[in-house]
Amino acid sequence: MSSIINANALSLVIVSISFILLLGPTSMTMNVLATTNTANQGIGQSQSAVQLGVCVSGNGTLFSCNNANTQNQANSGSNALAQQGGSGSGGNAANQGIGQSQTSNQGSGVASGGNTTDSGNNSNNQSQTNTGNNAAAQQGGSGSGGNSANQELDNHKPPTKVVA
């Protein structure tokens, strides 16, 4: 009798192990244990300048009420992103960008009874430089989602000068 119980217990263990070994690969192909990689990465820079000069004089306003603006944005490093794996319905998703913005609003008003030479001038110098890389690499990403990557480099500088 004990040999029958031992045989039944052994059969139950063998069936359980077989079931586990069968369930593992099946669940992977059905995305039951699906994983998704998501990465968001960015570099953002913004600069703004507002300048106003008003001069009122009964005499000369020589070299008066001048506005000077210099803005510089430089990225010399790299914005790199790498993903591996990402099976399942989502796969790999990467959003990556470098954004730069510069604005300058300048105003100058000169009222004088005399000389206004070199007065009420607006000077604006803006520079945006990117010498690094904006790179994304993905490997794997099996499943219905696969790999997706969005990369952007946005330089925006609308200079505005107002002379009154």
N, C-alpha and C. Protein backbone atom coordinates (compact mmCIF):
# COMPACT_ATOMS: atom_id res chain seq x y z
N MET A 1 0.81 -1.19 0.00
CA MET A 1 0.00 0.00 0.00
C MET A 1 0.86 1.26 0.00
N SER A 2 1.92 1.23 0.78
CA SER A 2 2.77 2.41 0.84
C SER A 2 3.48 2.65 -0.49
N SER A 3 3.76 1.60 -1.25
CA SER A 3 4.40 1.79 -2.55
C SER A 3 3.45 2.46 -3.54
N ILE A 4 2.13 2.20 -3.40
CA ILE A 4 1.16 2.86 -4.27
C ILE A 4 1.08 4.35 -3.93
N ILE A 5 1.10 4.69 -2.63
CA ILE A 5 1.07 6.08 -2.21
C ILE A 5 2.34 6.80 -2.69
N ASN A 6 3.49 6.15 -2.53
CA ASN A 6 4.74 6.73 -3.00
C ASN A 6 4.73 6.94 -4.51
N ALA A 7 4.17 6.02 -5.26
CA ALA A 7 4.10 6.15 -6.72
C ALA A 7 3.16 7.29 -7.10
N ASN A 8 2.03 7.43 -6.36
CA ASN A 8 1.11 8.53 -6.64
C ASN A 8 1.75 9.89 -6.31
N ALA A 9 2.48 9.94 -5.22
CA ALA A 9 3.15 11.19 -4.82
C ALA A 9 4.22 11.56 -5.84
N LEU A 10 4.97 10.55 -6.30
CA LEU A 10 5.99 10.80 -7.30
C LEU A 10 5.36 11.26 -8.61
N SER A 11 4.26 10.66 -8.99
CA SER A 11 3.56 11.06 -10.21
C SER A 11 3.06 12.49 -10.10
N LEU A 12 2.55 12.85 -8.93
CA LEU A 12 2.07 14.21 -8.71
C LEU A 12 3.20 15.24 -8.80
N VAL A 13 4.37 14.90 -8.28
CA VAL A 13 5.54 15.78 -8.36
C VAL A 13 5.98 15.92 -9.81
N ILE A 14 6.02 14.83 -10.56
CA ILE A 14 6.44 14.86 -11.96
C ILE A 14 5.47 15.69 -12.79
N VAL A 15 4.17 15.52 -12.57
CA VAL A 15 3.17 16.29 -13.31
C VAL A 15 3.28 17.78 -12.96
N SER A 16 3.52 18.09 -11.69
CA SER A 16 3.66 19.49 -11.27
C SER A 16 4.87 20.14 -11.92
N ILE A 17 6.00 19.46 -11.93
CA ILE A 17 7.21 20.00 -12.56
C ILE A 17 7.00 20.17 -14.06
N SER A 18 6.35 19.18 -14.69
CA SER A 18 6.07 19.29 -16.13
C SER A 18 5.17 20.48 -16.42
N PHE A 19 4.19 20.69 -15.58
CA PHE A 19 3.27 21.81 -15.75
C PHE A 19 4.01 23.15 -15.64
N ILE A 20 4.89 23.26 -14.66
CA ILE A 20 5.68 24.49 -14.48
C ILE A 20 6.60 24.73 -15.68
N LEU A 21 7.26 23.66 -16.15
CA LEU A 21 8.16 23.80 -17.30
C LEU A 21 7.40 24.18 -18.57
N LEU A 22 6.18 23.71 -18.70
CA LEU A 22 5.36 24.04 -19.86
C LEU A 22 4.77 25.45 -19.74
N LEU A 23 4.40 25.85 -18.54
CA LEU A 23 3.77 27.14 -18.32
C LEU A 23 4.75 28.31 -18.55
N GLY A 24 6.02 28.14 -18.21
CA GLY A 24 7.01 29.22 -18.35
C GLY A 24 7.12 29.75 -19.77
N PRO A 25 7.51 28.92 -20.73
CA PRO A 25 7.62 29.41 -22.12
C PRO A 25 6.29 29.86 -22.71
N THR A 26 5.21 29.18 -22.34
CA THR A 26 3.90 29.56 -22.85
C THR A 26 3.52 30.95 -22.38
N SER A 27 3.79 31.24 -21.11
CA SER A 27 3.44 32.56 -20.60
C SER A 27 4.30 33.65 -21.23
N MET A 28 5.54 33.33 -21.60
CA MET A 28 6.40 34.32 -22.25
C MET A 28 5.91 34.65 -23.66
N THR A 29 5.42 33.64 -24.40
CA THR A 29 4.94 33.90 -25.75
C THR A 29 3.58 34.60 -25.72
N MET A 30 2.86 34.48 -24.64
CA MET A 30 1.57 35.14 -24.51
C MET A 30 1.70 36.49 -23.80
N ASN A 31 2.93 36.93 -23.53
CA ASN A 31 3.20 38.20 -22.88
C ASN A 31 2.57 38.32 -21.49
N VAL A 32 2.45 37.19 -20.81
CA VAL A 32 1.93 37.21 -19.45
C VAL A 32 2.93 37.89 -18.53
N LEU A 33 4.20 37.69 -18.75
CA LEU A 33 5.24 38.30 -17.94
C LEU A 33 5.91 39.43 -18.74
N ALA A 34 5.12 40.22 -19.43
CA ALA A 34 5.65 41.25 -20.32
C ALA A 34 6.29 42.39 -19.54
N THR A 35 7.35 42.93 -20.13
CA THR A 35 8.00 44.10 -19.54
C THR A 35 8.05 45.21 -20.58
N THR A 36 8.06 46.42 -20.11
CA THR A 36 8.13 47.59 -20.98
C THR A 36 9.20 48.52 -20.45
N ASN A 37 10.04 49.02 -21.33
CA ASN A 37 11.04 50.02 -20.96
C ASN A 37 10.58 51.37 -21.47
N THR A 38 10.58 52.36 -20.60
CA THR A 38 10.22 53.72 -20.97
C THR A 38 11.27 54.66 -20.42
N ALA A 39 11.74 55.57 -21.26
CA ALA A 39 12.73 56.54 -20.82
C ALA A 39 12.40 57.92 -21.38
N ASN A 40 12.43 58.92 -20.52
CA ASN A 40 12.23 60.31 -20.92
C ASN A 40 13.46 61.08 -20.48
N GLN A 41 14.04 61.81 -21.40
CA GLN A 41 15.30 62.48 -21.13
C GLN A 41 15.34 63.81 -21.88
N GLY A 42 15.85 64.85 -21.25
CA GLY A 42 15.89 66.12 -21.94
C GLY A 42 16.85 67.11 -21.32
N ILE A 43 17.23 68.08 -22.11
CA ILE A 43 18.00 69.23 -21.67
C ILE A 43 17.21 70.45 -22.08
N GLY A 44 16.87 71.30 -21.13
CA GLY A 44 16.11 72.50 -21.44
C GLY A 44 16.83 73.74 -20.95
N GLN A 45 16.91 74.75 -21.79
CA GLN A 45 17.54 76.01 -21.42
C GLN A 45 16.65 77.15 -21.89
N SER A 46 16.54 78.18 -21.07
CA SER A 46 15.74 79.33 -21.44
C SER A 46 16.41 80.60 -20.92
N GLN A 47 16.38 81.63 -21.73
CA GLN A 47 16.91 82.92 -21.33
C GLN A 47 15.95 84.01 -21.79
N SER A 48 15.79 85.02 -20.96
CA SER A 48 14.92 86.12 -21.31
C SER A 48 15.53 87.42 -20.81
N ALA A 49 15.36 88.48 -21.57
CA ALA A 49 15.84 89.80 -21.17
C ALA A 49 14.80 90.85 -21.54
N VAL A 50 14.47 91.70 -20.59
CA VAL A 50 13.57 92.82 -20.83
C VAL A 50 14.32 94.08 -20.42
N GLN A 51 14.46 95.01 -21.36
CA GLN A 51 15.21 96.24 -21.10
C GLN A 51 14.41 97.44 -21.58
N LEU A 52 14.44 98.50 -20.79
CA LEU A 52 13.74 99.72 -21.15
C LEU A 52 14.60 100.91 -20.72
N GLY A 53 14.78 101.83 -21.61
CA GLY A 53 15.51 103.06 -21.29
C GLY A 53 14.72 104.27 -21.72
N VAL A 54 14.53 105.19 -20.80
CA VAL A 54 13.80 106.42 -21.10
C VAL A 54 14.65 107.59 -20.65
N CYS A 55 14.91 108.52 -21.56
CA CYS A 55 15.70 109.71 -21.24
C CYS A 55 14.93 110.96 -21.66
N VAL A 56 14.83 111.89 -20.75
CA VAL A 56 14.22 113.19 -21.03
C VAL A 56 15.20 114.24 -20.55
N SER A 57 15.55 115.16 -21.42
CA SER A 57 16.56 116.15 -21.05
C SER A 57 16.30 117.45 -21.80
N GLY A 58 16.62 118.56 -21.13
CA GLY A 58 16.54 119.86 -21.79
C GLY A 58 17.79 120.14 -22.60
N ASN A 59 18.87 119.44 -22.28
CA ASN A 59 20.13 119.56 -23.01
C ASN A 59 20.36 118.30 -23.84
N GLY A 60 21.57 118.04 -24.23
CA GLY A 60 21.91 116.88 -25.03
C GLY A 60 21.86 115.59 -24.24
N THR A 61 21.49 114.50 -24.89
CA THR A 61 21.47 113.16 -24.30
C THR A 61 22.46 112.27 -25.04
N LEU A 62 23.64 112.80 -25.26
CA LEU A 62 24.68 112.10 -26.00
C LEU A 62 25.04 110.78 -25.32
N PHE A 63 25.04 109.67 -26.06
CA PHE A 63 25.36 108.33 -25.56
C PHE A 63 24.48 107.92 -24.36
N SER A 64 23.22 108.12 -24.47
CA SER A 64 22.30 107.82 -23.36
C SER A 64 21.22 106.86 -23.80
N CYS A 65 20.64 106.19 -22.84
CA CYS A 65 19.49 105.29 -23.02
C CYS A 65 19.75 104.20 -24.05
N ASN A 66 20.91 103.60 -24.00
CA ASN A 66 21.24 102.49 -24.89
C ASN A 66 21.02 101.17 -24.16
N ASN A 67 20.51 100.19 -24.88
CA ASN A 67 20.30 98.84 -24.34
C ASN A 67 21.21 97.86 -25.07
N ALA A 68 21.93 97.06 -24.30
CA ALA A 68 22.78 96.02 -24.89
C ALA A 68 22.43 94.69 -24.23
N ASN A 69 22.23 93.66 -25.05
CA ASN A 69 21.86 92.34 -24.54
C ASN A 69 22.67 91.28 -25.27
N THR A 70 23.36 90.43 -24.50
CA THR A 70 24.09 89.30 -25.08
C THR A 70 23.65 88.03 -24.37
N GLN A 71 23.23 87.02 -25.14
CA GLN A 71 22.80 85.74 -24.58
C GLN A 71 23.53 84.62 -25.31
N ASN A 72 23.99 83.63 -24.55
CA ASN A 72 24.70 82.50 -25.13
C ASN A 72 24.24 81.21 -24.45
N GLN A 73 23.93 80.21 -25.24
CA GLN A 73 23.58 78.89 -24.72
C GLN A 73 24.44 77.87 -25.46
N ALA A 74 25.16 77.06 -24.70
CA ALA A 74 26.05 76.07 -25.31
C ALA A 74 25.85 74.72 -24.64
N ASN A 75 25.70 73.68 -25.45
CA ASN A 75 25.67 72.29 -24.98
C ASN A 75 26.82 71.58 -25.66
N SER A 76 27.80 71.17 -24.86
CA SER A 76 28.93 70.46 -25.46
C SER A 76 28.96 68.99 -25.05
N GLY A 77 28.08 68.61 -24.15
CA GLY A 77 28.00 67.20 -23.75
C GLY A 77 27.07 66.44 -24.66
N SER A 78 26.85 65.21 -24.32
CA SER A 78 25.97 64.37 -25.12
C SER A 78 24.72 64.04 -24.33
N ASN A 79 23.62 63.87 -25.03
CA ASN A 79 22.34 63.45 -24.47
C ASN A 79 22.08 62.05 -25.03
N ALA A 80 22.58 61.04 -24.34
CA ALA A 80 22.55 59.67 -24.86
C ALA A 80 21.59 58.80 -24.05
N LEU A 81 20.90 57.92 -24.74
CA LEU A 81 19.95 57.03 -24.11
C LEU A 81 20.07 55.64 -24.74
N ALA A 82 20.09 54.60 -23.92
CA ALA A 82 20.18 53.23 -24.44
C ALA A 82 19.19 52.34 -23.70
N GLN A 83 18.54 51.45 -24.42
CA GLN A 83 17.59 50.51 -23.83
C GLN A 83 17.81 49.13 -24.43
N GLN A 84 17.63 48.11 -23.60
CA GLN A 84 17.75 46.74 -24.07
C GLN A 84 16.60 45.95 -23.49
N GLY A 85 16.08 45.02 -24.25
CA GLY A 85 14.98 44.20 -23.78
C GLY A 85 13.66 44.83 -24.14
N GLY A 86 12.73 44.84 -23.21
CA GLY A 86 11.44 45.45 -23.45
C GLY A 86 10.51 44.59 -24.27
N SER A 87 10.29 43.36 -23.83
CA SER A 87 9.35 42.51 -24.54
C SER A 87 7.94 42.80 -24.06
N GLY A 88 6.97 42.37 -24.81
CA GLY A 88 5.60 42.52 -24.38
C GLY A 88 4.85 43.49 -25.26
N SER A 89 3.71 43.93 -24.76
CA SER A 89 2.86 44.78 -25.58
C SER A 89 3.40 46.20 -25.69
N GLY A 90 4.28 46.60 -24.80
CA GLY A 90 4.78 47.97 -24.84
C GLY A 90 6.10 48.12 -25.54
N GLY A 91 6.97 47.15 -25.45
CA GLY A 91 8.30 47.25 -26.04
C GLY A 91 9.12 48.34 -25.39
N ASN A 92 9.95 49.02 -26.16
CA ASN A 92 10.77 50.13 -25.67
C ASN A 92 10.18 51.44 -26.17
N ALA A 93 10.15 52.43 -25.31
CA ALA A 93 9.71 53.76 -25.70
C ALA A 93 10.71 54.78 -25.15
N ALA A 94 11.19 55.66 -26.01
CA ALA A 94 12.16 56.66 -25.59
C ALA A 94 11.75 58.03 -26.10
N ASN A 95 11.75 59.01 -25.23
CA ASN A 95 11.50 60.40 -25.59
C ASN A 95 12.71 61.20 -25.13
N GLN A 96 13.30 61.93 -26.05
CA GLN A 96 14.56 62.57 -25.78
C GLN A 96 14.63 63.89 -26.52
N GLY A 97 15.16 64.91 -25.87
CA GLY A 97 15.23 66.19 -26.57
C GLY A 97 16.16 67.19 -25.93
N ILE A 98 16.55 68.16 -26.74
CA ILE A 98 17.31 69.31 -26.29
C ILE A 98 16.51 70.53 -26.73
N GLY A 99 16.13 71.37 -25.79
CA GLY A 99 15.36 72.56 -26.11
C GLY A 99 16.04 73.81 -25.61
N GLN A 100 16.11 74.81 -26.45
CA GLN A 100 16.71 76.08 -26.08
C GLN A 100 15.79 77.21 -26.52
N SER A 101 15.66 78.20 -25.68
CA SER A 101 14.82 79.34 -26.02
C SER A 101 15.47 80.62 -25.53
N GLN A 102 15.42 81.65 -26.36
CA GLN A 102 15.96 82.95 -26.00
C GLN A 102 14.99 84.03 -26.46
N THR A 103 14.72 84.99 -25.60
CA THR A 103 13.90 86.13 -25.99
C THR A 103 14.54 87.40 -25.46
N SER A 104 14.32 88.46 -26.18
CA SER A 104 14.83 89.77 -25.77
C SER A 104 13.83 90.83 -26.16
N ASN A 105 13.35 91.58 -25.18
CA ASN A 105 12.44 92.69 -25.43
C ASN A 105 13.15 93.96 -24.98
N GLN A 106 13.35 94.87 -25.91
CA GLN A 106 14.08 96.09 -25.61
C GLN A 106 13.27 97.30 -26.05
N GLY A 107 13.30 98.32 -25.23
CA GLY A 107 12.61 99.56 -25.58
C GLY A 107 13.45 100.75 -25.16
N SER A 108 13.40 101.79 -25.95
CA SER A 108 14.18 102.97 -25.64
C SER A 108 13.43 104.20 -26.13
N GLY A 109 13.38 105.19 -25.26
CA GLY A 109 12.73 106.44 -25.64
C GLY A 109 13.61 107.62 -25.27
N VAL A 110 13.84 108.51 -26.20
CA VAL A 110 14.71 109.66 -25.97
C VAL A 110 13.96 110.93 -26.37
N ALA A 111 13.90 111.86 -25.44
CA ALA A 111 13.34 113.18 -25.74
C ALA A 111 14.35 114.21 -25.24
N SER A 112 14.82 115.05 -26.13
CA SER A 112 15.88 115.97 -25.75
C SER A 112 15.76 117.28 -26.52
N GLY A 113 16.15 118.36 -25.87
CA GLY A 113 16.19 119.65 -26.55
C GLY A 113 17.50 119.85 -27.29
N GLY A 114 18.46 118.93 -27.07
CA GLY A 114 19.77 119.08 -27.69
C GLY A 114 20.17 117.85 -28.48
N ASN A 115 21.45 117.56 -28.47
CA ASN A 115 22.06 116.49 -29.25
C ASN A 115 21.65 115.11 -28.70
N THR A 116 21.18 114.22 -29.57
CA THR A 116 20.82 112.84 -29.18
C THR A 116 21.68 111.82 -29.93
N THR A 117 22.90 112.19 -30.29
CA THR A 117 23.78 111.31 -31.04
C THR A 117 24.09 110.06 -30.22
N ASP A 118 24.01 108.92 -30.88
CA ASP A 118 24.28 107.61 -30.25
C ASP A 118 23.44 107.38 -28.99
N SER A 119 22.22 107.76 -29.03
CA SER A 119 21.30 107.56 -27.91
C SER A 119 20.11 106.74 -28.36
N GLY A 120 19.53 106.01 -27.44
CA GLY A 120 18.32 105.23 -27.73
C GLY A 120 18.56 104.04 -28.64
N ASN A 121 19.76 103.46 -28.60
CA ASN A 121 20.08 102.31 -29.45
C ASN A 121 19.82 101.00 -28.70
N ASN A 122 19.43 99.98 -29.44
CA ASN A 122 19.22 98.64 -28.89
C ASN A 122 20.16 97.67 -29.60
N SER A 123 20.91 96.93 -28.81
CA SER A 123 21.82 95.93 -29.36
C SER A 123 21.47 94.57 -28.77
N ASN A 124 21.35 93.57 -29.62
CA ASN A 124 20.97 92.24 -29.15
C ASN A 124 21.81 91.19 -29.87
N ASN A 125 22.54 90.39 -29.12
CA ASN A 125 23.34 89.29 -29.67
C ASN A 125 22.92 88.00 -28.99
N GLN A 126 22.54 87.00 -29.78
CA GLN A 126 22.12 85.72 -29.23
C GLN A 126 22.86 84.59 -29.94
N SER A 127 23.24 83.58 -29.16
CA SER A 127 23.97 82.44 -29.72
C SER A 127 23.47 81.16 -29.08
N GLN A 128 23.26 80.15 -29.90
CA GLN A 128 22.89 78.80 -29.43
C GLN A 128 23.78 77.80 -30.13
N THR A 129 24.53 77.03 -29.36
CA THR A 129 25.47 76.09 -29.94
C THR A 129 25.29 74.72 -29.29
N ASN A 130 25.17 73.68 -30.10
CA ASN A 130 25.13 72.30 -29.63
C ASN A 130 26.23 71.53 -30.36
N THR A 131 27.27 71.15 -29.61
CA THR A 131 28.35 70.38 -30.22
C THR A 131 28.32 68.92 -29.77
N GLY A 132 27.46 68.58 -28.85
CA GLY A 132 27.34 67.20 -28.39
C GLY A 132 26.41 66.40 -29.29
N ASN A 133 26.11 65.20 -28.87
CA ASN A 133 25.24 64.31 -29.63
C ASN A 133 23.92 64.13 -28.91
N ASN A 134 22.87 63.88 -29.67
CA ASN A 134 21.56 63.53 -29.14
C ASN A 134 21.24 62.14 -29.70
N ALA A 135 21.71 61.10 -28.99
CA ALA A 135 21.66 59.75 -29.54
C ALA A 135 20.78 58.83 -28.70
N ALA A 136 20.03 57.97 -29.36
CA ALA A 136 19.22 56.95 -28.70
C ALA A 136 19.49 55.61 -29.36
N ALA A 137 19.68 54.58 -28.55
CA ALA A 137 19.89 53.23 -29.07
C ALA A 137 18.96 52.26 -28.35
N GLN A 138 18.34 51.37 -29.11
CA GLN A 138 17.43 50.39 -28.54
C GLN A 138 17.72 49.03 -29.13
N GLN A 139 17.64 48.03 -28.28
CA GLN A 139 17.82 46.66 -28.73
C GLN A 139 16.74 45.82 -28.10
N GLY A 140 16.23 44.88 -28.83
CA GLY A 140 15.15 44.03 -28.31
C GLY A 140 13.82 44.63 -28.70
N GLY A 141 12.98 44.83 -27.71
CA GLY A 141 11.67 45.42 -27.97
C GLY A 141 10.76 44.52 -28.76
N SER A 142 10.73 43.24 -28.40
CA SER A 142 9.86 42.32 -29.10
C SER A 142 8.43 42.48 -28.61
N GLY A 143 7.51 41.97 -29.33
CA GLY A 143 6.11 42.05 -28.95
C GLY A 143 5.37 42.98 -29.88
N SER A 144 4.13 43.28 -29.51
CA SER A 144 3.30 44.10 -30.39
C SER A 144 3.71 45.56 -30.38
N GLY A 145 4.40 46.01 -29.34
CA GLY A 145 4.78 47.42 -29.25
C GLY A 145 6.06 47.74 -29.98
N GLY A 146 7.00 46.81 -29.99
CA GLY A 146 8.27 47.05 -30.65
C GLY A 146 9.04 48.18 -30.00
N ASN A 147 9.83 48.90 -30.77
CA ASN A 147 10.60 50.03 -30.29
C ASN A 147 10.04 51.32 -30.87
N SER A 148 10.03 52.36 -30.07
CA SER A 148 9.69 53.68 -30.59
C SER A 148 10.60 54.69 -29.92
N ALA A 149 11.04 55.67 -30.69
CA ALA A 149 11.93 56.70 -30.16
C ALA A 149 11.55 58.04 -30.76
N ASN A 150 11.48 59.06 -29.92
CA ASN A 150 11.24 60.43 -30.36
C ASN A 150 12.42 61.28 -29.92
N GLN A 151 13.07 61.91 -30.87
CA GLN A 151 14.20 62.78 -30.58
C GLN A 151 13.94 64.14 -31.17
N GLU A 152 14.39 65.18 -30.45
CA GLU A 152 14.15 66.52 -30.93
C GLU A 152 15.26 67.45 -30.50
N LEU A 153 15.61 68.35 -31.38
CA LEU A 153 16.52 69.44 -31.07
C LEU A 153 15.81 70.72 -31.48
N ASP A 154 15.46 71.55 -30.49
CA ASP A 154 14.66 72.72 -30.75
C ASP A 154 15.40 73.97 -30.28
N ASN A 155 15.79 74.80 -31.23
CA ASN A 155 16.39 76.09 -30.92
C ASN A 155 15.38 77.16 -31.29
N HIS A 156 14.99 77.96 -30.32
CA HIS A 156 13.96 78.96 -30.54
C HIS A 156 14.44 80.30 -30.00
N LYS A 157 14.59 81.27 -30.87
CA LYS A 157 14.99 82.60 -30.40
C LYS A 157 14.34 83.68 -31.25
N PRO A 158 13.19 84.15 -30.82
CA PRO A 158 12.55 85.25 -31.55
C PRO A 158 12.95 86.59 -30.92
N PRO A 159 13.97 87.27 -31.44
CA PRO A 159 14.34 88.55 -30.84
C PRO A 159 13.31 89.62 -31.16
N THR A 160 12.99 90.41 -30.17
CA THR A 160 12.05 91.49 -30.33
C THR A 160 12.72 92.78 -29.91
N LYS A 161 12.73 93.75 -30.81
CA LYS A 161 13.30 95.05 -30.50
C LYS A 161 12.22 96.10 -30.71
N VAL A 162 12.08 96.96 -29.73
CA VAL A 162 11.12 98.03 -29.83
C VAL A 162 11.85 99.34 -29.58
N VAL A 163 11.78 100.22 -30.53
CA VAL A 163 12.40 101.54 -30.36
C VAL A 163 11.28 102.57 -30.40
N ALA A 164 11.16 103.30 -29.32
CA ALA A 164 10.09 104.31 -29.24
C ALA A 164 10.65 105.68 -29.55
